[in-house]
Amino acid sequence: MDPITASVFSILFFIIFVATIVSIVRNPNHGVLGKFIWILVAFFLSLLGTILWLVFGRGRVRR
């Protein structure tokens, strides 16, 4: 993989990670400890942590 492609993927992943952290912090379904644990999961499991948050962590979405 050339350096430019790697840089683009790194920037894209960083944006997705920041959006995940913002989503965790703004979610009203979890307390402080739950949010802290989800942030640790997202940080240490990277892309898998983000996917886990989207599938299991968000809870019910109000319409």
Protein backbone atom coordinates (compact mmCIF):
# COMPACT_ATOMS: atom_id res chain seq x y z
CA MET A 1 0.00 0.00 0.00
CA ASP A 2 1.47 3.34 -0.96
CA PRO A 3 1.90 6.08 1.68
CA ILE A 4 -0.86 8.34 0.32
CA THR A 5 -3.47 5.58 0.51
CA ALA A 6 -2.35 4.69 4.03
CA SER A 7 -2.64 8.33 5.06
CA VAL A 8 -6.16 8.62 3.65
CA PHE A 9 -7.26 5.46 5.50
CA SER A 10 -5.67 6.72 8.71
CA ILE A 11 -7.50 10.05 8.49
CA LEU A 12 -10.79 8.32 7.64
CA PHE A 13 -10.42 5.91 10.57
CA PHE A 14 -9.61 8.81 12.92
CA ILE A 15 -12.77 10.65 11.83
CA ILE A 16 -14.87 7.51 12.40
CA PHE A 17 -13.26 6.99 15.82
CA VAL A 18 -13.96 10.59 16.89
CA ALA A 19 -17.58 10.27 15.70
CA THR A 20 -17.91 7.08 17.77
CA ILE A 21 -16.56 8.79 20.89
CA VAL A 22 -18.94 11.72 20.41
CA SER A 23 -21.83 9.29 19.95
CA ILE A 24 -20.91 7.46 23.15
CA VAL A 25 -20.64 10.66 25.18
CA ARG A 26 -23.95 12.07 23.91
CA ASN A 27 -25.92 8.83 24.37
CA PRO A 28 -28.44 9.11 27.24
CA ASN A 29 -28.87 5.32 27.61
CA HIS A 30 -25.68 4.78 29.64
CA GLY A 31 -24.32 6.22 32.87
CA VAL A 32 -20.81 7.54 33.39
CA LEU A 33 -19.32 4.10 34.05
CA GLY A 34 -21.03 2.58 31.02
CA LYS A 35 -19.80 5.37 28.78
CA PHE A 36 -16.27 4.99 30.15
CA ILE A 37 -16.30 1.24 29.45
CA TRP A 38 -17.62 1.80 25.90
CA ILE A 39 -14.88 4.38 25.26
CA LEU A 40 -12.28 1.85 26.43
CA VAL A 41 -13.78 -0.83 24.18
CA ALA A 42 -13.78 1.54 21.20
CA PHE A 43 -10.20 2.61 21.92
CA PHE A 44 -8.65 -0.80 22.48
CA LEU A 45 -10.61 -2.73 19.85
CA SER A 46 -10.44 0.06 17.24
CA LEU A 47 -12.67 -0.74 14.28
CA LEU A 48 -14.26 -3.74 15.99
CA GLY A 49 -15.09 -1.57 19.01
CA THR A 50 -16.80 0.96 16.74
CA ILE A 51 -18.85 -1.77 15.10
CA LEU A 52 -19.78 -3.22 18.50
CA TRP A 53 -20.95 0.23 19.65
CA LEU A 54 -23.09 0.68 16.56
CA VAL A 55 -24.67 -2.77 16.89
CA PHE A 56 -25.04 -3.23 20.66
CA GLY A 57 -24.25 -0.02 22.52
CA ARG A 58 -26.51 2.65 21.13
CA GLY A 59 -29.69 1.09 22.45
CA ARG A 60 -33.06 2.07 21.10
CA VAL A 61 -33.13 4.97 18.72
CA ARG A 62 -36.07 7.26 19.37
CA ARG A 63 -38.10 8.32 16.36
